[in-house]
Amino acid sequence: MDIVYRAAVLGEFFPGEAAIVAVLLAFIPYLLLRDPMGRIARHWIARPASC
């Protein structure tokens, strides 16, 4: 999205900056949330079914 915006509106594009933005907005949150969400999912799957 950032790449499209920069190319269309600003008329400039810097690949290094695009890579930094991608890492900051996608990869870092993935790393931070991966373990807690995995624990929640394991807890949710392992709980006994209530009848």
Protein backbone atom coordinates (compact mmCIF):
# COMPACT_ATOMS: atom_id res chain seq x y z
CA MET A 1 0.00 0.00 0.00
CA ASP A 2 2.79 2.38 0.88
CA ILE A 3 4.53 1.63 -2.41
CA VAL A 4 1.38 2.40 -4.43
CA TYR A 5 0.80 5.63 -2.51
CA ARG A 6 4.38 6.81 -2.93
CA ALA A 7 4.45 6.02 -6.64
CA ALA A 8 1.03 7.55 -7.43
CA VAL A 9 0.97 10.61 -5.18
CA LEU A 10 4.57 11.51 -4.50
CA GLY A 11 6.12 10.15 -7.68
CA GLU A 12 9.06 8.64 -5.83
CA PHE A 13 9.98 5.20 -4.53
CA PHE A 14 12.86 4.05 -2.33
CA PRO A 15 13.24 0.25 -2.09
CA GLY A 16 15.17 0.39 1.19
CA GLU A 17 12.50 2.50 2.82
CA ALA A 18 9.78 0.18 1.52
CA ALA A 19 11.60 -2.80 3.06
CA ILE A 20 11.89 -1.04 6.42
CA VAL A 21 8.19 -0.16 6.39
CA ALA A 22 7.27 -3.75 5.52
CA VAL A 23 9.36 -5.10 8.39
CA LEU A 24 7.99 -2.61 10.89
CA LEU A 25 4.35 -3.06 9.93
CA ALA A 26 4.23 -6.81 9.30
CA PHE A 27 7.17 -8.87 10.51
CA ILE A 28 7.72 -7.35 13.97
CA PRO A 29 4.04 -7.61 15.05
CA TYR A 30 4.04 -11.20 13.77
CA LEU A 31 7.03 -12.05 15.94
CA LEU A 32 5.54 -10.31 18.98
CA LEU A 33 2.10 -11.94 18.69
CA ARG A 34 3.08 -15.41 17.48
CA ASP A 35 3.81 -16.95 20.89
CA PRO A 36 0.87 -15.46 22.84
CA MET A 37 -1.62 -16.40 20.11
CA GLY A 38 -0.16 -19.91 19.95
CA ARG A 39 -0.63 -20.32 23.69
CA ILE A 40 -4.23 -19.11 23.48
CA ALA A 41 -4.94 -21.46 20.58
CA ARG A 42 -3.42 -24.46 22.39
CA HIS A 43 -5.46 -23.64 25.50
CA TRP A 44 -8.63 -23.24 23.44
CA ILE A 45 -8.12 -26.56 21.60
CA ALA A 46 -7.07 -28.54 24.70
CA ARG A 47 -9.99 -27.54 26.94
CA PRO A 48 -12.59 -30.27 27.51
CA ALA A 49 -15.86 -30.08 25.66
CA SER A 50 -18.78 -29.04 27.85
CA CYS A 51 -22.05 -30.90 27.43
